[in-house]
N, C-alpha and C. Protein backbone atom coordinates (compact mmCIF):
# COMPACT_ATOMS: atom_id res chain seq x y z
N MET A 1 78.63 143.89 196.57
CA MET A 1 77.72 143.22 198.07
C MET A 1 77.43 142.24 198.34
N VAL A 2 77.15 141.84 199.40
CA VAL A 2 76.78 140.40 200.26
C VAL A 2 75.62 140.83 200.22
N ILE A 3 74.45 140.14 200.72
CA ILE A 3 73.35 140.76 200.95
C ILE A 3 73.21 138.84 202.25
N SER A 4 73.10 139.00 203.27
CA SER A 4 72.65 138.14 204.09
C SER A 4 71.79 137.92 204.35
N ILE A 5 71.47 136.15 204.45
CA ILE A 5 69.91 135.96 205.05
C ILE A 5 69.72 135.14 205.63
N PRO A 6 69.00 135.36 206.56
CA PRO A 6 69.00 134.89 208.23
C PRO A 6 68.69 132.98 207.92
N ARG A 7 69.20 132.48 208.49
CA ARG A 7 69.05 131.02 208.57
C ARG A 7 67.44 130.75 208.92
N ARG A 8 67.05 129.65 208.37
CA ARG A 8 65.56 129.55 209.14
C ARG A 8 65.78 128.93 210.13
N GLN A 9 64.83 129.01 210.94
CA GLN A 9 64.86 127.89 212.14
C GLN A 9 63.97 127.20 212.25
N TRP A 10 63.56 125.94 211.93
CA TRP A 10 62.98 124.89 211.88
C TRP A 10 62.62 124.40 213.17
N ARG A 11 61.18 124.31 213.14
CA ARG A 11 60.95 122.82 214.53
C ARG A 11 59.02 122.29 213.92
N PRO A 12 60.07 121.27 214.44
CA PRO A 12 58.40 120.16 214.70
C PRO A 12 57.11 120.65 215.30
N LEU A 13 55.93 120.86 214.07
CA LEU A 13 55.00 121.37 214.79
C LEU A 13 54.01 120.47 215.52
N GLU A 14 54.20 121.19 216.72
CA GLU A 14 53.26 120.87 217.97
C GLU A 14 51.72 120.29 217.58
N ASN A 15 50.70 121.04 216.79
CA ASN A 15 49.98 120.39 215.89
C ASN A 15 49.89 121.52 214.52
N PRO A 16 49.82 120.13 214.16
CA PRO A 16 49.98 120.16 212.29
C PRO A 16 48.82 121.11 212.10
N ALA A 17 47.45 121.20 212.84
CA ALA A 17 46.50 122.04 211.89
C ALA A 17 47.04 123.64 212.05
N GLU A 18 48.03 124.14 212.94
CA GLU A 18 49.06 125.77 212.48
C GLU A 18 49.48 125.43 211.32
N ALA A 19 50.29 124.85 210.51
CA ALA A 19 50.26 124.42 208.94
C ALA A 19 49.54 125.63 207.95
N GLY A 20 48.22 126.13 208.29
CA GLY A 20 47.31 126.65 207.65
C GLY A 20 46.76 126.25 206.41
N GLY A 21 47.06 124.65 206.05
CA GLY A 21 46.31 123.81 205.35
C GLY A 21 46.22 122.21 205.47
N LEU A 22 46.10 121.89 205.23
CA LEU A 22 45.90 120.91 205.44
C LEU A 22 46.90 119.87 204.12
N VAL A 23 47.92 119.13 204.41
CA VAL A 23 48.68 118.51 203.45
C VAL A 23 49.23 116.57 204.53
N ASN A 24 48.38 116.53 203.60
CA ASN A 24 48.93 114.68 204.18
C ASN A 24 50.27 113.98 203.82
N HIS A 25 51.42 113.31 203.86
CA HIS A 25 52.12 112.92 204.13
C HIS A 25 52.16 111.21 203.64
N ASN A 26 52.33 110.98 202.77
CA ASN A 26 52.34 109.44 202.71
C ASN A 26 53.47 108.71 202.06
N VAL A 27 53.83 107.68 203.34
CA VAL A 27 54.80 106.66 203.32
C VAL A 27 54.37 105.11 202.31
N TYR A 28 55.53 104.55 202.20
CA TYR A 28 54.94 103.00 201.43
C TYR A 28 56.09 103.04 201.11
N PHE A 29 56.17 101.64 201.58
CA PHE A 29 57.37 100.26 201.30
C PHE A 29 58.41 100.97 201.60
N GLU A 30 58.71 101.10 203.41
CA GLU A 30 59.62 101.44 204.14
C GLU A 30 59.96 102.76 203.78
N GLY A 31 59.38 103.66 203.20
CA GLY A 31 59.92 104.79 202.83
C GLY A 31 60.79 105.07 201.04
N LYS A 32 60.45 103.67 200.70
CA LYS A 32 61.26 104.03 199.15
C LYS A 32 60.51 104.27 198.31
N VAL A 33 58.87 104.91 198.92
CA VAL A 33 57.70 105.32 198.13
C VAL A 33 57.76 106.40 198.87
N GLN A 34 57.43 108.04 198.66
CA GLN A 34 56.72 108.84 199.02
C GLN A 34 56.01 110.21 198.60
N SER A 35 55.02 110.79 199.38
CA SER A 35 54.20 111.96 198.76
C SER A 35 53.52 112.59 199.00
N LEU A 36 53.17 113.94 198.83
CA LEU A 36 52.53 115.19 199.24
C LEU A 36 50.97 115.12 199.46
N SER A 37 50.10 114.65 199.32
CA SER A 37 48.43 115.47 199.12
C SER A 37 48.08 116.99 198.93
N LEU A 38 47.19 117.17 198.20
CA LEU A 38 47.07 118.37 197.71
C LEU A 38 45.69 118.37 196.62
N GLU A 39 45.20 119.78 197.00
CA GLU A 39 44.05 120.22 196.21
C GLU A 39 44.65 121.25 194.61
N THR A 40 44.24 120.44 193.92
CA THR A 40 44.81 121.55 192.09
C THR A 40 43.50 121.97 191.31
N ALA A 41 43.68 122.32 190.80
CA ALA A 41 42.25 123.13 189.95
C ALA A 41 41.76 121.52 189.26
N ALA A 42 42.49 120.43 189.26
CA ALA A 42 41.70 119.54 188.47
C ALA A 42 41.04 118.10 189.33
N GLY A 43 41.83 118.56 190.81
CA GLY A 43 41.32 118.25 191.63
C GLY A 43 41.93 117.42 192.93
N LYS A 44 41.40 116.62 193.31
CA LYS A 44 42.42 115.99 194.65
C LYS A 44 44.00 115.47 193.52
N ALA A 45 45.27 115.49 194.03
CA ALA A 45 46.65 114.75 193.46
C ALA A 45 47.62 114.38 194.58
N THR A 46 48.70 113.87 194.49
CA THR A 46 49.56 113.85 195.16
C THR A 46 50.64 114.26 193.97
N VAL A 47 52.04 114.39 195.03
CA VAL A 47 52.82 114.77 194.48
C VAL A 47 53.85 114.07 195.00
N GLY A 48 55.07 112.97 194.38
CA GLY A 48 55.65 112.31 195.13
C GLY A 48 57.20 112.08 193.74
N VAL A 49 57.76 111.29 195.13
CA VAL A 49 59.32 110.27 194.69
C VAL A 49 59.34 108.58 194.69
N ILE A 50 59.75 108.71 193.66
CA ILE A 50 59.71 106.56 193.88
C ILE A 50 61.22 106.28 193.54
N THR A 51 61.85 105.51 194.71
CA THR A 51 63.03 105.17 195.18
C THR A 51 63.08 104.18 193.83
N PRO A 52 64.69 104.12 193.61
CA PRO A 52 64.57 102.62 192.72
C PRO A 52 64.60 101.14 193.45
N GLY A 53 63.32 100.45 192.60
CA GLY A 53 62.93 99.22 193.18
C GLY A 53 62.20 99.49 192.54
N THR A 54 61.34 98.16 192.26
CA THR A 54 59.86 96.90 191.74
C THR A 54 58.83 97.38 192.71
N TYR A 55 57.45 97.99 192.27
CA TYR A 55 56.35 98.18 193.43
C TYR A 55 54.92 97.86 192.65
N ALA A 56 53.90 97.36 193.75
CA ALA A 56 52.75 97.12 193.33
C ALA A 56 51.94 98.20 194.04
N PHE A 57 51.02 98.94 193.65
CA PHE A 57 50.07 99.50 193.54
C PHE A 57 48.35 99.70 193.55
N SER A 58 47.38 99.55 194.11
CA SER A 58 45.77 99.42 194.01
C SER A 58 45.48 100.44 194.35
N THR A 59 44.58 100.57 193.37
CA THR A 59 44.09 102.00 192.96
C THR A 59 42.06 101.62 193.39
N SER A 60 41.71 102.76 194.15
CA SER A 60 40.29 102.62 194.53
C SER A 60 39.47 103.52 193.58
N THR A 61 40.10 104.73 192.87
CA THR A 61 39.79 105.63 192.28
C THR A 61 40.50 105.67 190.53
N GLU A 62 39.93 106.32 189.93
CA GLU A 62 40.74 106.15 188.37
C GLU A 62 42.25 107.07 188.96
N GLU A 63 43.16 106.72 188.65
CA GLU A 63 44.28 107.80 188.17
C GLU A 63 45.00 108.06 187.46
N ARG A 64 45.60 109.13 187.26
CA ARG A 64 46.25 109.36 185.63
C ARG A 64 47.42 110.19 186.47
N MET A 65 48.75 108.58 185.98
CA MET A 65 49.51 109.72 186.74
C MET A 65 50.85 110.41 185.71
N VAL A 66 51.65 111.24 185.86
CA VAL A 66 52.38 112.21 185.13
C VAL A 66 53.65 111.89 185.30
N ILE A 67 54.56 111.79 185.16
CA ILE A 67 56.01 111.62 185.12
C ILE A 67 56.59 113.00 184.66
N THR A 68 57.02 113.05 185.98
CA THR A 68 58.03 114.63 186.00
C THR A 68 59.12 115.18 185.96
N SER A 69 60.04 113.83 185.76
CA SER A 69 61.38 113.62 186.33
C SER A 69 61.72 112.23 186.21
N GLY A 70 62.65 112.00 185.24
CA GLY A 70 63.35 110.51 185.19
C GLY A 70 62.55 109.58 184.45
N THR A 71 62.49 108.21 184.71
CA THR A 71 62.06 106.78 183.28
C THR A 71 61.76 106.21 184.76
N LEU A 72 60.04 105.95 184.32
CA LEU A 72 58.90 104.74 185.55
C LEU A 72 58.93 103.91 184.19
N GLY A 73 59.30 102.34 184.63
CA GLY A 73 59.01 101.13 184.18
C GLY A 73 57.32 101.21 184.33
N VAL A 74 56.24 100.65 184.07
CA VAL A 74 54.95 100.06 183.99
C VAL A 74 54.21 99.06 183.33
N LYS A 75 53.63 98.84 184.27
CA LYS A 75 52.80 97.51 183.53
C LYS A 75 51.72 97.41 184.40
N LEU A 76 50.78 98.17 183.11
CA LEU A 76 49.32 98.44 183.75
C LEU A 76 48.85 97.13 183.09
N PRO A 77 47.45 97.05 183.57
CA PRO A 77 46.61 95.58 184.05
C PRO A 77 46.93 94.37 182.98
N GLY A 78 47.24 93.98 182.78
CA GLY A 78 47.13 92.92 181.08
C GLY A 78 48.20 93.32 180.04
N GLY A 79 48.67 94.41 180.74
CA GLY A 79 49.63 94.60 179.62
C GLY A 79 51.16 94.51 179.49
N ASP A 80 52.15 95.01 179.05
CA ASP A 80 53.30 94.71 179.04
C ASP A 80 54.00 95.46 179.76
N TRP A 81 54.82 96.09 179.96
CA TRP A 81 56.26 96.59 180.37
C TRP A 81 56.30 97.71 179.88
N GLN A 82 56.04 98.87 179.73
CA GLN A 82 56.07 100.41 179.17
C GLN A 82 56.83 101.43 179.29
N GLN A 83 58.00 102.07 178.98
CA GLN A 83 59.15 102.93 179.59
C GLN A 83 58.56 104.64 179.51
N MET A 84 57.68 104.94 180.96
CA MET A 84 57.36 106.21 180.57
C MET A 84 58.40 107.41 180.83
N ALA A 85 58.86 107.64 180.01
CA ALA A 85 59.79 108.87 180.32
C ALA A 85 59.17 110.65 180.73
N GLU A 86 59.57 111.54 181.41
CA GLU A 86 59.82 112.79 181.46
C GLU A 86 58.47 113.54 180.38
N GLY A 87 57.12 113.75 181.02
CA GLY A 87 56.46 113.80 180.53
C GLY A 87 55.30 113.69 179.85
N LYS A 88 55.20 112.00 180.53
CA LYS A 88 54.87 111.08 179.85
C LYS A 88 53.44 110.43 180.94
N GLN A 89 52.49 110.23 180.29
CA GLN A 89 51.88 109.88 181.13
C GLN A 89 51.03 108.67 180.99
N PHE A 90 50.33 107.95 182.23
CA PHE A 90 49.53 106.94 181.68
C PHE A 90 48.12 106.74 182.83
N ILE A 91 47.08 106.26 182.22
CA ILE A 91 45.58 105.97 183.27
C ILE A 91 45.44 104.49 183.94
N VAL A 92 45.26 104.60 185.14
CA VAL A 92 44.93 103.37 185.56
C VAL A 92 43.06 103.78 186.29
N ALA A 93 42.42 102.87 185.83
CA ALA A 93 40.96 102.07 186.21
C ALA A 93 40.82 101.99 187.92
N ALA A 94 39.72 102.36 188.08
CA ALA A 94 39.86 102.19 189.80
C ALA A 94 40.00 100.49 190.18
N ASN A 95 39.93 99.91 190.63
CA ASN A 95 40.49 98.97 191.30
C ASN A 95 40.84 98.06 190.74
N GLN A 96 41.90 98.86 189.98
CA GLN A 96 43.12 98.03 189.71
C GLN A 96 44.06 97.69 190.88
N THR A 97 45.46 97.36 190.48
CA THR A 97 46.83 97.08 190.50
C THR A 97 47.39 97.04 189.38
N PHE A 98 48.30 97.99 189.22
CA PHE A 98 49.73 97.98 188.35
C PHE A 98 51.31 97.82 189.37
N GLU A 99 52.05 97.95 188.56
CA GLU A 99 53.55 97.92 188.83
C GLU A 99 54.15 98.81 188.10
N VAL A 100 55.25 99.22 189.12
CA VAL A 100 56.03 99.85 188.69
C VAL A 100 57.53 99.62 188.76
N GLU A 101 58.72 100.13 188.05
CA GLU A 101 60.31 99.63 188.09
C GLU A 101 60.76 100.76 188.39
N ALA A 102 61.45 101.48 189.21
CA ALA A 102 62.32 102.69 188.81
C ALA A 102 63.64 102.17 188.75
N LYS A 103 64.92 102.85 188.41
CA LYS A 103 66.01 102.43 188.42
C LYS A 103 66.76 103.39 188.56
N GLN A 104 66.36 104.96 189.02
CA GLN A 104 66.77 106.02 188.93
C GLN A 104 65.35 106.68 189.89
N ASP A 105 65.78 107.83 190.67
CA ASP A 105 64.48 107.88 191.85
C ASP A 105 63.73 108.89 189.99
N VAL A 106 62.53 108.48 190.89
CA VAL A 106 61.29 109.02 189.54
C VAL A 106 60.38 110.13 190.56
N SER A 107 60.63 111.18 189.79
CA SER A 107 58.89 112.10 190.54
C SER A 107 58.18 111.71 189.50
N TYR A 108 56.81 112.11 190.74
CA TYR A 108 55.28 112.39 189.73
C TYR A 108 54.52 112.94 189.97
N ILE A 109 52.86 113.49 189.82
CA ILE A 109 52.10 113.78 190.20
C ILE A 109 51.00 113.11 189.63
N CYS A 110 49.75 112.28 190.48
CA CYS A 110 49.00 111.74 190.09
C CYS A 110 47.84 112.46 190.61
N TYR A 111 46.76 111.78 189.58
CA TYR A 111 45.49 112.97 189.91
C TYR A 111 44.57 111.72 189.87
N TYR A 112 43.48 111.94 191.15
CA TYR A 112 42.58 111.55 191.07
C TYR A 112 40.98 111.62 190.70
N LYS A 113 40.36 110.78 190.13
CA LYS A 113 38.84 111.29 189.76
C LYS A 113 38.54 110.90 190.27
């Protein structure tokens, strides 16, 4: 027996408040890095994807970044390049700039303090 599920009908929201919650879509570096914001039990966070390339980010608060898929090269302030594989995390202090390099698509969750 095969059960047919009706095709979803997608339409853009004329009023984003219709979504029932506030999720911001963040786009950086001409769409090569994108994230969605959310509230977690640990506080504000973003989940995102980094496509291949090298990027520099500046922090305004402390950030804890956890790699959820792939491997990301990370150069923290004053440090050398390190490879962070899935499940690894790093912390960047507030008001710092750090660099990342992705050789393939990488996903992450970033928690803000």
